[in-house]
Amino acid sequence: MCCREGERDGKWLDKEDYSRRPRALTRCDCSALLDIRLHRSRGVWYVNNFVDEHNHRLAMPDGVPFLWSHRTIKAFHRNEIMSMEAAGIRKHVIRDVLQCRYGGYDKVGIVTKDIYNYCSKNKRSRIAEGDARTVLGLMLKRKNSDQIFILIIKSMMTIV
């Protein structure tokens, strides 16, 4: 289906008590579709139905890289982003560097928000891995040097 297929449910159109500004209407009941099916006995994929009649303007070629379906951070971009972030370079500067290196904003195919999200997700995963190791390391060091610490931990374990 086209990403603009169908219409927004009417109950969302008439709401008066929004706490935030409602999202823009993007659906326009477009009937374009590509139906692909598997012929199980022959093991072959085939086009069952194809309708190429959109009732809206399509994205311009220079805007296509910014459609949700096309916005992915490639592996070589990930490495560059992480090395620049580790060096303390700010996210919007990272985007500018990528833009200059690859010859334009549309050649990179990601926006600044994608860089923020990727860096944040990566940082959370690194912290989650290291937190448990750090705490266990500290507890083992303290176990060897502090006998009272061992008694406190044992008493806590009997309470639980």
C-alpha atoms as a PDB file:
ATOM      1  CA  MET A   1       0.000   0.000   0.000  1.00  0.00           C
ATOM      2  CA  CYS A   2       0.985   3.586  -0.409  1.00  0.00           C
ATOM      3  CA  CYS A   3       1.966   5.280   2.854  1.00  0.00           C
ATOM      4  CA  ARG A   4      -0.930   7.701   2.285  1.00  0.00           C
ATOM      5  CA  GLU A   5      -3.515   4.914   1.936  1.00  0.00           C
ATOM      6  CA  GLY A   6      -6.774   5.209   3.890  1.00  0.00           C
ATOM      7  CA  GLU A   7      -8.024   8.066   6.027  1.00  0.00           C
ATOM      8  CA  ARG A   8      -7.614   9.078   9.643  1.00  0.00           C
ATOM      9  CA  ASP A   9     -10.317   7.749  11.937  1.00  0.00           C
ATOM     10  CA  GLY A  10     -13.071  10.340  12.446  1.00  0.00           C
ATOM     11  CA  LYS A  11     -12.884  10.167  16.242  1.00  0.00           C
ATOM     12  CA  TRP A  12      -9.414  11.755  16.048  1.00  0.00           C
ATOM     13  CA  LEU A  13     -10.571  14.583  13.793  1.00  0.00           C
ATOM     14  CA  ASP A  14     -13.272  15.939  16.123  1.00  0.00           C
ATOM     15  CA  LYS A  15     -11.308  15.970  19.375  1.00  0.00           C
ATOM     16  CA  GLU A  16     -11.378  19.329  21.097  1.00  0.00           C
ATOM     17  CA  ASP A  17      -9.325  18.642  24.235  1.00  0.00           C
ATOM     18  CA  TYR A  18      -5.881  18.108  22.728  1.00  0.00           C
ATOM     19  CA  SER A  19      -3.035  18.803  25.106  1.00  0.00           C
ATOM     20  CA  ARG A  20      -0.710  19.100  22.099  1.00  0.00           C
ATOM     21  CA  ARG A  21      -1.099  20.357  18.570  1.00  0.00           C
ATOM     22  CA  PRO A  22      -2.648  17.587  16.445  1.00  0.00           C
ATOM     23  CA  ARG A  23      -0.463  15.986  13.802  1.00  0.00           C
ATOM     24  CA  ALA A  24      -0.884  17.070  10.213  1.00  0.00           C
ATOM     25  CA  LEU A  25      -3.210  15.043   8.030  1.00  0.00           C
ATOM     26  CA  THR A  26      -1.115  12.905   5.694  1.00  0.00           C
ATOM     27  CA  ARG A  27      -3.586  10.272   4.523  1.00  0.00           C
ATOM     28  CA  CYS A  28      -5.627  10.951   1.406  1.00  0.00           C
ATOM     29  CA  ASP A  29      -7.207   7.572   0.541  1.00  0.00           C
ATOM     30  CA  CYS A  30      -4.585   6.731  -2.087  1.00  0.00           C
ATOM     31  CA  SER A  31      -5.362   3.478  -3.899  1.00  0.00           C
ATOM     32  CA  ALA A  32      -1.846   2.673  -5.173  1.00  0.00           C
ATOM     33  CA  LEU A  33      -0.592  -0.776  -4.194  1.00  0.00           C
ATOM     34  CA  LEU A  34       1.764  -3.614  -5.037  1.00  0.00           C
ATOM     35  CA  ASP A  35       0.547  -7.094  -4.018  1.00  0.00           C
ATOM     36  CA  ILE A  36       3.261  -9.782  -4.109  1.00  0.00           C
ATOM     37  CA  ARG A  37       2.504 -13.401  -3.261  1.00  0.00           C
ATOM     38  CA  LEU A  38       4.316 -16.702  -3.005  1.00  0.00           C
ATOM     39  CA  HIS A  39       3.201 -19.588  -5.243  1.00  0.00           C
ATOM     40  CA  ARG A  40       3.861 -22.341  -2.698  1.00  0.00           C
ATOM     41  CA  SER A  41       3.899 -25.333  -5.013  1.00  0.00           C
ATOM     42  CA  ARG A  42       6.390 -23.727  -7.444  1.00  0.00           C
ATOM     43  CA  GLY A  43       8.297 -21.742  -4.783  1.00  0.00           C
ATOM     44  CA  VAL A  44       8.139 -18.566  -6.858  1.00  0.00           C
ATOM     45  CA  TRP A  45       7.133 -15.033  -5.895  1.00  0.00           C
ATOM     46  CA  TYR A  46       4.814 -13.224  -8.319  1.00  0.00           C
ATOM     47  CA  VAL A  47       2.994  -9.909  -8.637  1.00  0.00           C
ATOM     48  CA  ASN A  48      -0.676 -10.526  -7.968  1.00  0.00           C
ATOM     49  CA  ASN A  49      -1.923  -6.947  -8.294  1.00  0.00           C
ATOM     50  CA  PHE A  50      -0.302  -3.608  -9.150  1.00  0.00           C
ATOM     51  CA  VAL A  51      -2.041  -0.225  -9.155  1.00  0.00           C
ATOM     52  CA  ASP A  52       0.211   2.749  -9.946  1.00  0.00           C
ATOM     53  CA  GLU A  53      -2.382   5.509  -9.668  1.00  0.00           C
ATOM     54  CA  HIS A  54      -1.598   7.901  -6.830  1.00  0.00           C
ATOM     55  CA  ASN A  55      -4.055  10.711  -6.067  1.00  0.00           C
ATOM     56  CA  HIS A  56      -1.358  12.938  -4.561  1.00  0.00           C
ATOM     57  CA  ARG A  57       2.012  14.375  -5.540  1.00  0.00           C
ATOM     58  CA  LEU A  58       4.937  12.046  -5.031  1.00  0.00           C
ATOM     59  CA  ALA A  59       8.063  13.040  -3.138  1.00  0.00           C
ATOM     60  CA  MET A  60      10.579  15.099  -5.069  1.00  0.00           C
ATOM     61  CA  PRO A  61      13.868  13.291  -5.871  1.00  0.00           C
ATOM     62  CA  ASP A  62      15.859  15.478  -3.485  1.00  0.00           C
ATOM     63  CA  GLY A  63      13.399  14.709  -0.660  1.00  0.00           C
ATOM     64  CA  VAL A  64      13.266  10.930  -1.098  1.00  0.00           C
ATOM     65  CA  PRO A  65      16.265  10.216   1.207  1.00  0.00           C
ATOM     66  CA  PHE A  66      14.331  11.813   4.074  1.00  0.00           C
ATOM     67  CA  LEU A  67      11.257   9.584   3.841  1.00  0.00           C
ATOM     68  CA  TRP A  68      10.966   7.264   6.837  1.00  0.00           C
ATOM     69  CA  SER A  69      11.328   4.229   4.600  1.00  0.00           C
ATOM     70  CA  HIS A  70      14.680   5.494   3.280  1.00  0.00           C
ATOM     71  CA  ARG A  71      16.238   6.945   6.445  1.00  0.00           C
ATOM     72  CA  THR A  72      18.717   4.392   7.736  1.00  0.00           C
ATOM     73  CA  ILE A  73      22.136   4.950   9.225  1.00  0.00           C
ATOM     74  CA  LYS A  74      24.572   2.907   7.181  1.00  0.00           C
ATOM     75  CA  ALA A  75      27.335   0.913   8.909  1.00  0.00           C
ATOM     76  CA  PHE A  76      30.138   3.212   7.767  1.00  0.00           C
ATOM     77  CA  HIS A  77      28.136   6.236   8.973  1.00  0.00           C
ATOM     78  CA  ARG A  78      27.723   4.559  12.375  1.00  0.00           C
ATOM     79  CA  ASN A  79      31.461   4.147  12.778  1.00  0.00           C
ATOM     80  CA  GLU A  80      32.120   7.749  11.815  1.00  0.00           C
ATOM     81  CA  ILE A  81      29.371   9.069  14.083  1.00  0.00           C
ATOM     82  CA  MET A  82      30.615   7.097  17.092  1.00  0.00           C
ATOM     83  CA  SER A  83      34.239   8.132  16.588  1.00  0.00           C
ATOM     84  CA  MET A  84      33.265  11.808  16.243  1.00  0.00           C
ATOM     85  CA  GLU A  85      30.983  11.606  19.274  1.00  0.00           C
ATOM     86  CA  ALA A  86      33.768   9.963  21.315  1.00  0.00           C
ATOM     87  CA  ALA A  87      35.973  12.917  20.381  1.00  0.00           C
ATOM     88  CA  GLY A  88      33.348  15.275  21.833  1.00  0.00           C
ATOM     89  CA  ILE A  89      32.020  16.682  18.570  1.00  0.00           C
ATOM     90  CA  ARG A  90      28.426  17.921  18.830  1.00  0.00           C
ATOM     91  CA  LYS A  91      25.670  16.176  16.885  1.00  0.00           C
ATOM     92  CA  HIS A  92      24.776  19.026  14.540  1.00  0.00           C
ATOM     93  CA  VAL A  93      28.473  19.418  13.682  1.00  0.00           C
ATOM     94  CA  ILE A  94      28.661  15.666  12.980  1.00  0.00           C
ATOM     95  CA  ARG A  95      25.793  16.104  10.527  1.00  0.00           C
ATOM     96  CA  ASP A  96      27.600  19.021   8.865  1.00  0.00           C
ATOM     97  CA  VAL A  97      30.803  16.962   8.555  1.00  0.00           C
ATOM     98  CA  LEU A  98      28.902  14.071   6.962  1.00  0.00           C
ATOM     99  CA  GLN A  99      27.149  16.509   4.646  1.00  0.00           C
ATOM    100  CA  CYS A 100      30.469  17.978   3.462  1.00  0.00           C
ATOM    101  CA  ARG A 101      32.164  14.593   3.168  1.00  0.00           C
ATOM    102  CA  TYR A 102      29.453  12.952   1.053  1.00  0.00           C
ATOM    103  CA  GLY A 103      28.507  15.938  -1.103  1.00  0.00           C
ATOM    104  CA  GLY A 104      25.211  17.146   0.280  1.00  0.00           C
ATOM    105  CA  TYR A 105      22.536  16.730   2.873  1.00  0.00           C
ATOM    106  CA  ASP A 106      20.485  14.412   0.665  1.00  0.00           C
ATOM    107  CA  LYS A 107      23.502  12.134   0.022  1.00  0.00           C
ATOM    108  CA  VAL A 108      23.837  11.386   3.741  1.00  0.00           C
ATOM    109  CA  GLY A 109      20.159  10.429   4.024  1.00  0.00           C
ATOM    110  CA  ILE A 110      19.762  11.084   7.752  1.00  0.00           C
ATOM    111  CA  VAL A 111      18.747  14.089   9.794  1.00  0.00           C
ATOM    112  CA  THR A 112      20.221  15.449  13.005  1.00  0.00           C
ATOM    113  CA  LYS A 113      17.516  13.742  15.084  1.00  0.00           C
ATOM    114  CA  ASP A 114      18.648  10.352  13.724  1.00  0.00           C
ATOM    115  CA  ILE A 115      22.182  11.083  14.940  1.00  0.00           C
ATOM    116  CA  TYR A 116      20.906  12.101  18.396  1.00  0.00           C
ATOM    117  CA  ASN A 117      18.784   8.941  18.624  1.00  0.00           C
ATOM    118  CA  TYR A 118      21.610   6.665  17.486  1.00  0.00           C
ATOM    119  CA  CYS A 119      24.142   8.167  19.917  1.00  0.00           C
ATOM    120  CA  SER A 120      21.668   7.994  22.789  1.00  0.00           C
ATOM    121  CA  LYS A 121      20.748   4.372  22.069  1.00  0.00           C
ATOM    122  CA  ASN A 122      24.393   3.383  21.775  1.00  0.00           C
ATOM    123  CA  LYS A 123      25.288   5.164  25.027  1.00  0.00           C
ATOM    124  CA  ARG A 124      22.413   3.473  26.905  1.00  0.00           C
ATOM    125  CA  SER A 125      23.531   0.040  25.712  1.00  0.00           C
ATOM    126  CA  ARG A 126      27.149   0.708  26.751  1.00  0.00           C
ATOM    127  CA  ILE A 127      26.074   1.926  30.185  1.00  0.00           C
ATOM    128  CA  ALA A 128      23.753  -1.052  30.688  1.00  0.00           C
ATOM    129  CA  GLU A 129      26.597  -3.458  29.917  1.00  0.00           C
ATOM    130  CA  GLY A 130      29.111  -1.662  32.135  1.00  0.00           C
ATOM    131  CA  ASP A 131      26.911  -0.873  35.147  1.00  0.00           C
ATOM    132  CA  ALA A 132      26.658  -4.426  36.433  1.00  0.00           C
ATOM    133  CA  ARG A 133      30.364  -5.084  35.884  1.00  0.00           C
ATOM    134  CA  THR A 134      31.309  -1.878  37.671  1.00  0.00           C
ATOM    135  CA  VAL A 135      29.124  -2.625  40.695  1.00  0.00           C
ATOM    136  CA  LEU A 136      30.385  -6.206  40.936  1.00  0.00           C
ATOM    137  CA  GLY A 137      33.990  -5.022  40.660  1.00  0.00           C
ATOM    138  CA  LEU A 138      33.490  -2.485  43.442  1.00  0.00           C
ATOM    139  CA  MET A 139      31.795  -5.064  45.664  1.00  0.00           C
ATOM    140  CA  LEU A 140      34.601  -7.594  45.131  1.00  0.00           C
ATOM    141  CA  LYS A 141      37.245  -4.993  46.029  1.00  0.00           C
ATOM    142  CA  ARG A 142      35.312  -3.999  49.117  1.00  0.00           C
ATOM    143  CA  LYS A 143      34.765  -7.644  50.087  1.00  0.00           C
ATOM    144  CA  ASN A 144      38.508  -8.189  50.314  1.00  0.00           C
ATOM    145  CA  SER A 145      39.191  -5.067  52.344  1.00  0.00           C
ATOM    146  CA  ASP A 146      36.107  -4.553  54.546  1.00  0.00           C
ATOM    147  CA  GLN A 147      34.756  -7.315  56.813  1.00  0.00           C
ATOM    148  CA  ILE A 148      31.812  -5.178  58.016  1.00  0.00           C
ATOM    149  CA  PHE A 149      30.678  -4.843  54.388  1.00  0.00           C
ATOM    150  CA  ILE A 150      30.371  -8.651  54.141  1.00  0.00           C
ATOM    151  CA  LEU A 151      28.232  -8.759  57.305  1.00  0.00           C
ATOM    152  CA  ILE A 152      25.931  -6.017  55.963  1.00  0.00           C
ATOM    153  CA  ILE A 153      25.454  -7.856  52.659  1.00  0.00           C
ATOM    154  CA  LYS A 154      24.744 -11.165  54.444  1.00  0.00           C
ATOM    155  CA  SER A 155      22.172  -9.498  56.720  1.00  0.00           C
ATOM    156  CA  MET A 156      20.498  -7.901  53.702  1.00  0.00           C
ATOM    157  CA  MET A 157      20.285 -11.263  51.963  1.00  0.00           C
ATOM    158  CA  THR A 158      18.559 -12.877  54.947  1.00  0.00           C
ATOM    159  CA  ILE A 159      15.946 -10.075  55.011  1.00  0.00           C
ATOM    160  CA  VAL A 160      15.055 -10.602  51.365  1.00  0.00           C
END
